[in-house]
């Protein structure tokens, strides 16, 4: 089984690899560059979902894989502050789609201000701690939690959640089905 991940980001590829190994031990997970078709810093759930779907479909097609994954981070403004989360899309060869998102974490106001100016979160976090490519490592969530939660592990959970339709498809039958018909 071949699993295509629409990214070259090691943290995102590791998230998919770790999740997939829990389900299919012999599956091969391969990252490949895939355009999101959205801005570099998505600013809504809908934009991130669209980007994740675009990446998943592109990766599936490019590698002629069994499943394609797209992972897309986003920031969302609320009346309580700006929050960070990530969306995961998984598609199979039949076009079946599964979606899920990560937990959300509030961003410090000084970071949110920079994003409101049009900056991307990754470089802002790099400047904050004086490192490069933190989005390919622990990510903002790792920095903000002192690595108690890191990007790959947070995305791993969302990958497993996005696979629910494939793990237990009987629960996702048409809404006209009753619980007794699913057994």
C-alpha atoms as a PDB file:
ATOM      1  CA  UNK A   1       0.000   0.000   0.000  1.00  0.00           C
ATOM      2  CA  UNK A   2       1.329   3.434  -0.965  1.00  0.00           C
ATOM      3  CA  UNK A   3       0.412   6.523   1.027  1.00  0.00           C
ATOM      4  CA  UNK A   4       1.177   9.885  -0.595  1.00  0.00           C
ATOM      5  CA  UNK A   5       1.590  12.998   1.526  1.00  0.00           C
ATOM      6  CA  UNK A   6       1.332  16.322  -0.278  1.00  0.00           C
ATOM      7  CA  UNK A   7       4.318  17.967   1.371  1.00  0.00           C
ATOM      8  CA  UNK A   8       8.066  17.772   1.829  1.00  0.00           C
ATOM      9  CA  UNK A   9       7.797  19.005   5.441  1.00  0.00           C
ATOM     10  CA  UNK A  10       9.376  16.310   7.660  1.00  0.00           C
ATOM     11  CA  UNK A  11       7.056  17.008  10.632  1.00  0.00           C
ATOM     12  CA  UNK A  12       3.937  16.479   8.506  1.00  0.00           C
ATOM     13  CA  UNK A  13       5.313  13.367   6.795  1.00  0.00           C
ATOM     14  CA  UNK A  14       6.226  11.907  10.202  1.00  0.00           C
ATOM     15  CA  UNK A  15       2.696  12.598  11.464  1.00  0.00           C
ATOM     16  CA  UNK A  16       1.207  10.550   8.623  1.00  0.00           C
ATOM     17  CA  UNK A  17       3.861   7.816   8.862  1.00  0.00           C
ATOM     18  CA  UNK A  18       3.335   7.377  12.596  1.00  0.00           C
ATOM     19  CA  UNK A  19      -0.461   7.235  12.259  1.00  0.00           C
ATOM     20  CA  UNK A  20      -0.408   4.874   9.273  1.00  0.00           C
ATOM     21  CA  UNK A  21       1.927   2.429  11.034  1.00  0.00           C
ATOM     22  CA  UNK A  22      -0.787   1.941  13.671  1.00  0.00           C
ATOM     23  CA  UNK A  23      -3.164   0.724  10.955  1.00  0.00           C
ATOM     24  CA  UNK A  24      -1.123  -0.767   8.112  1.00  0.00           C
ATOM     25  CA  UNK A  25       2.341  -1.950   9.157  1.00  0.00           C
ATOM     26  CA  UNK A  26       3.566  -2.618   5.627  1.00  0.00           C
ATOM     27  CA  UNK A  27       2.375   0.645   4.072  1.00  0.00           C
ATOM     28  CA  UNK A  28       4.943   2.906   2.451  1.00  0.00           C
ATOM     29  CA  UNK A  29       4.552   6.616   3.212  1.00  0.00           C
ATOM     30  CA  UNK A  30       6.084   9.059   0.740  1.00  0.00           C
ATOM     31  CA  UNK A  31       6.049  12.837   0.753  1.00  0.00           C
ATOM     32  CA  UNK A  32       5.855  14.785  -2.482  1.00  0.00           C
ATOM     33  CA  UNK A  33       5.591  18.482  -3.224  1.00  0.00           C
ATOM     34  CA  UNK A  34       1.990  19.506  -3.825  1.00  0.00           C
ATOM     35  CA  UNK A  35       0.527  22.980  -4.229  1.00  0.00           C
ATOM     36  CA  UNK A  36      -2.154  23.988  -1.758  1.00  0.00           C
ATOM     37  CA  UNK A  37      -3.803  26.521  -4.037  1.00  0.00           C
ATOM     38  CA  UNK A  38      -4.359  28.787  -1.029  1.00  0.00           C
ATOM     39  CA  UNK A  39      -2.317  31.521   0.630  1.00  0.00           C
ATOM     40  CA  UNK A  40       0.940  30.673   2.409  1.00  0.00           C
ATOM     41  CA  UNK A  41      -0.757  31.587   5.677  1.00  0.00           C
ATOM     42  CA  UNK A  42      -4.386  30.478   5.575  1.00  0.00           C
ATOM     43  CA  UNK A  43      -6.586  32.619   7.805  1.00  0.00           C
ATOM     44  CA  UNK A  44      -9.734  30.487   8.076  1.00  0.00           C
ATOM     45  CA  UNK A  45     -10.796  26.887   8.514  1.00  0.00           C
ATOM     46  CA  UNK A  46     -12.403  26.888   5.066  1.00  0.00           C
ATOM     47  CA  UNK A  47      -9.229  28.101   3.361  1.00  0.00           C
ATOM     48  CA  UNK A  48      -7.134  25.488   5.192  1.00  0.00           C
ATOM     49  CA  UNK A  49      -9.597  22.712   4.344  1.00  0.00           C
ATOM     50  CA  UNK A  50      -9.440  23.699   0.676  1.00  0.00           C
ATOM     51  CA  UNK A  51      -5.633  23.674   0.815  1.00  0.00           C
ATOM     52  CA  UNK A  52      -5.512  20.286   2.542  1.00  0.00           C
ATOM     53  CA  UNK A  53      -7.895  18.762  -0.013  1.00  0.00           C
ATOM     54  CA  UNK A  54      -5.892  20.206  -2.910  1.00  0.00           C
ATOM     55  CA  UNK A  55      -2.657  18.774  -1.508  1.00  0.00           C
ATOM     56  CA  UNK A  56      -4.235  15.349  -0.855  1.00  0.00           C
ATOM     57  CA  UNK A  57      -5.669  15.068  -4.375  1.00  0.00           C
ATOM     58  CA  UNK A  58      -2.441  16.235  -5.991  1.00  0.00           C
ATOM     59  CA  UNK A  59      -0.275  13.804  -3.997  1.00  0.00           C
ATOM     60  CA  UNK A  60      -2.636  10.900  -4.738  1.00  0.00           C
ATOM     61  CA  UNK A  61      -2.479  11.600  -8.452  1.00  0.00           C
ATOM     62  CA  UNK A  62       1.278  12.310  -8.657  1.00  0.00           C
ATOM     63  CA  UNK A  63       2.247   9.039  -6.975  1.00  0.00           C
ATOM     64  CA  UNK A  64      -0.727   6.944  -8.124  1.00  0.00           C
ATOM     65  CA  UNK A  65      -1.115   6.070  -4.451  1.00  0.00           C
ATOM     66  CA  UNK A  66      -3.813   4.243  -2.530  1.00  0.00           C
ATOM     67  CA  UNK A  67      -4.390   7.266  -0.284  1.00  0.00           C
ATOM     68  CA  UNK A  68      -3.385  10.896  -0.546  1.00  0.00           C
ATOM     69  CA  UNK A  69      -2.988  13.176   2.447  1.00  0.00           C
ATOM     70  CA  UNK A  70      -2.918  16.934   2.709  1.00  0.00           C
ATOM     71  CA  UNK A  71      -2.065  18.762   5.923  1.00  0.00           C
ATOM     72  CA  UNK A  72      -2.628  22.501   6.138  1.00  0.00           C
ATOM     73  CA  UNK A  73      -2.077  24.803   9.108  1.00  0.00           C
ATOM     74  CA  UNK A  74      -4.237  27.852   9.677  1.00  0.00           C
ATOM     75  CA  UNK A  75      -4.814  30.697  12.071  1.00  0.00           C
ATOM     76  CA  UNK A  76      -8.335  31.717  12.976  1.00  0.00           C
ATOM     77  CA  UNK A  77      -9.335  35.010  14.573  1.00  0.00           C
ATOM     78  CA  UNK A  78     -11.989  34.801  17.298  1.00  0.00           C
ATOM     79  CA  UNK A  79     -13.325  37.244  19.871  1.00  0.00           C
ATOM     80  CA  UNK A  80     -11.050  35.409  22.325  1.00  0.00           C
ATOM     81  CA  UNK A  81      -7.883  35.864  20.287  1.00  0.00           C
ATOM     82  CA  UNK A  82      -6.115  34.213  17.360  1.00  0.00           C
ATOM     83  CA  UNK A  83      -5.897  30.429  17.387  1.00  0.00           C
ATOM     84  CA  UNK A  84      -3.658  28.017  15.508  1.00  0.00           C
ATOM     85  CA  UNK A  85      -4.788  24.633  14.224  1.00  0.00           C
ATOM     86  CA  UNK A  86      -4.186  22.304  11.306  1.00  0.00           C
ATOM     87  CA  UNK A  87      -6.519  20.491   8.936  1.00  0.00           C
ATOM     88  CA  UNK A  88      -5.989  17.023   7.488  1.00  0.00           C
ATOM     89  CA  UNK A  89      -7.633  15.715   4.334  1.00  0.00           C
ATOM     90  CA  UNK A  90      -7.346  12.137   3.122  1.00  0.00           C
ATOM     91  CA  UNK A  91      -8.658  10.909  -0.228  1.00  0.00           C
ATOM     92  CA  UNK A  92      -8.677   7.464  -1.802  1.00  0.00           C
ATOM     93  CA  UNK A  93      -8.684   6.431  -5.458  1.00  0.00           C
ATOM     94  CA  UNK A  94     -12.506   6.462  -5.491  1.00  0.00           C
ATOM     95  CA  UNK A  95     -12.612  10.093  -4.376  1.00  0.00           C
ATOM     96  CA  UNK A  96     -13.807   9.321  -0.856  1.00  0.00           C
ATOM     97  CA  UNK A  97     -12.784  12.171   1.468  1.00  0.00           C
ATOM     98  CA  UNK A  98     -12.058  12.225   5.186  1.00  0.00           C
ATOM     99  CA  UNK A  99     -11.420  15.444   7.128  1.00  0.00           C
ATOM    100  CA  UNK A 100     -10.306  16.303  10.651  1.00  0.00           C
ATOM    101  CA  UNK A 101      -8.520  19.079  12.467  1.00  0.00           C
ATOM    102  CA  UNK A 102      -5.992  19.295  15.238  1.00  0.00           C
ATOM    103  CA  UNK A 103      -6.577  20.815  18.627  1.00  0.00           C
ATOM    104  CA  UNK A 104      -6.446  24.598  18.677  1.00  0.00           C
ATOM    105  CA  UNK A 105      -4.005  26.695  20.670  1.00  0.00           C
ATOM    106  CA  UNK A 106      -4.234  30.411  21.345  1.00  0.00           C
ATOM    107  CA  UNK A 107      -1.363  32.427  19.936  1.00  0.00           C
ATOM    108  CA  UNK A 108       0.291  35.123  22.051  1.00  0.00           C
ATOM    109  CA  UNK A 109      -0.891  38.583  21.031  1.00  0.00           C
ATOM    110  CA  UNK A 110       2.582  39.687  19.893  1.00  0.00           C
ATOM    111  CA  UNK A 111       2.595  36.801  17.375  1.00  0.00           C
ATOM    112  CA  UNK A 112      -1.005  37.418  16.316  1.00  0.00           C
ATOM    113  CA  UNK A 113      -0.135  41.076  15.602  1.00  0.00           C
ATOM    114  CA  UNK A 114       2.574  39.994  13.155  1.00  0.00           C
ATOM    115  CA  UNK A 115       0.217  37.621  11.368  1.00  0.00           C
ATOM    116  CA  UNK A 116      -2.411  40.377  11.097  1.00  0.00           C
ATOM    117  CA  UNK A 117       0.274  42.390   9.269  1.00  0.00           C
ATOM    118  CA  UNK A 118       0.341  39.631   6.632  1.00  0.00           C
ATOM    119  CA  UNK A 119       3.271  37.586   7.871  1.00  0.00           C
ATOM    120  CA  UNK A 120       3.440  33.789   7.923  1.00  0.00           C
ATOM    121  CA  UNK A 121       3.560  32.071  11.316  1.00  0.00           C
ATOM    122  CA  UNK A 122       6.699  29.982  10.641  1.00  0.00           C
ATOM    123  CA  UNK A 123       9.104  32.900  10.092  1.00  0.00           C
ATOM    124  CA  UNK A 124       7.571  34.790  13.030  1.00  0.00           C
ATOM    125  CA  UNK A 125       8.264  31.812  15.298  1.00  0.00           C
ATOM    126  CA  UNK A 126      11.790  31.467  13.872  1.00  0.00           C
ATOM    127  CA  UNK A 127      12.519  35.094  14.787  1.00  0.00           C
ATOM    128  CA  UNK A 128      10.996  34.691  18.230  1.00  0.00           C
ATOM    129  CA  UNK A 129      13.355  31.888  19.271  1.00  0.00           C
ATOM    130  CA  UNK A 130      16.301  32.531  16.932  1.00  0.00           C
ATOM    131  CA  UNK A 131      16.074  29.253  14.986  1.00  0.00           C
ATOM    132  CA  UNK A 132      15.357  28.333  11.364  1.00  0.00           C
ATOM    133  CA  UNK A 133      12.558  26.168   9.954  1.00  0.00           C
ATOM    134  CA  UNK A 134      10.756  25.551  13.235  1.00  0.00           C
ATOM    135  CA  UNK A 135       7.671  24.637  11.178  1.00  0.00           C
ATOM    136  CA  UNK A 136       9.614  21.598   9.940  1.00  0.00           C
ATOM    137  CA  UNK A 137      10.423  20.585  13.516  1.00  0.00           C
ATOM    138  CA  UNK A 138       8.455  21.244  16.694  1.00  0.00           C
ATOM    139  CA  UNK A 139       6.314  23.993  15.155  1.00  0.00           C
ATOM    140  CA  UNK A 140       4.659  26.862  16.993  1.00  0.00           C
ATOM    141  CA  UNK A 141       2.757  24.423  19.181  1.00  0.00           C
ATOM    142  CA  UNK A 142       6.016  22.852  20.357  1.00  0.00           C
ATOM    143  CA  UNK A 143       7.556  26.225  21.077  1.00  0.00           C
ATOM    144  CA  UNK A 144       4.506  27.438  22.997  1.00  0.00           C
ATOM    145  CA  UNK A 145       4.211  24.233  25.078  1.00  0.00           C
ATOM    146  CA  UNK A 146       7.949  23.670  25.733  1.00  0.00           C
ATOM    147  CA  UNK A 147       7.693  20.604  23.482  1.00  0.00           C
ATOM    148  CA  UNK A 148       5.010  18.926  25.586  1.00  0.00           C
ATOM    149  CA  UNK A 149       3.000  18.907  22.356  1.00  0.00           C
ATOM    150  CA  UNK A 150       4.914  18.991  19.062  1.00  0.00           C
ATOM    151  CA  UNK A 151       3.678  19.549  15.534  1.00  0.00           C
ATOM    152  CA  UNK A 152       4.091  15.982  14.274  1.00  0.00           C
ATOM    153  CA  UNK A 153       2.231  14.454  17.242  1.00  0.00           C
ATOM    154  CA  UNK A 154      -0.591  16.998  17.124  1.00  0.00           C
ATOM    155  CA  UNK A 155      -1.061  16.341  13.394  1.00  0.00           C
ATOM    156  CA  UNK A 156      -0.787  12.559  13.964  1.00  0.00           C
ATOM    157  CA  UNK A 157      -3.980  12.556  15.998  1.00  0.00           C
ATOM    158  CA  UNK A 158      -5.813  14.518  13.290  1.00  0.00           C
ATOM    159  CA  UNK A 159      -4.560  12.032  10.656  1.00  0.00           C
ATOM    160  CA  UNK A 160      -6.129   9.184  12.628  1.00  0.00           C
ATOM    161  CA  UNK A 161      -9.368  11.135  12.998  1.00  0.00           C
ATOM    162  CA  UNK A 162      -9.497  11.898   9.263  1.00  0.00           C
ATOM    163  CA  UNK A 163      -9.216   8.161   8.596  1.00  0.00           C
ATOM    164  CA  UNK A 164     -12.382   7.354  10.581  1.00  0.00           C
ATOM    165  CA  UNK A 165     -14.478   7.054   7.391  1.00  0.00           C
ATOM    166  CA  UNK A 166     -12.019   4.466   6.097  1.00  0.00           C
ATOM    167  CA  UNK A 167     -11.551   2.591   9.379  1.00  0.00           C
ATOM    168  CA  UNK A 168     -15.279   2.292  10.166  1.00  0.00           C
ATOM    169  CA  UNK A 169     -17.151   3.106   6.949  1.00  0.00           C
ATOM    170  CA  UNK A 170     -20.390   1.555   8.219  1.00  0.00           C
ATOM    171  CA  UNK A 171     -20.832   4.497  10.592  1.00  0.00           C
ATOM    172  CA  UNK A 172     -20.719   6.919   7.670  1.00  0.00           C
ATOM    173  CA  UNK A 173     -23.479   5.403   5.540  1.00  0.00           C
ATOM    174  CA  UNK A 174     -26.264   7.596   4.164  1.00  0.00           C
ATOM    175  CA  UNK A 175     -28.235   9.413   6.847  1.00  0.00           C
ATOM    176  CA  UNK A 176     -31.341   7.402   5.998  1.00  0.00           C
ATOM    177  CA  UNK A 177     -29.768   4.344   7.605  1.00  0.00           C
ATOM    178  CA  UNK A 178     -30.676   3.614  11.199  1.00  0.00           C
ATOM    179  CA  UNK A 179     -28.366   2.299  13.895  1.00  0.00           C
ATOM    180  CA  UNK A 180     -29.898  -1.171  13.632  1.00  0.00           C
ATOM    181  CA  UNK A 181     -29.213  -1.252   9.860  1.00  0.00           C
ATOM    182  CA  UNK A 182     -25.500  -0.644  10.485  1.00  0.00           C
ATOM    183  CA  UNK A 183     -24.985  -3.869  12.458  1.00  0.00           C
END
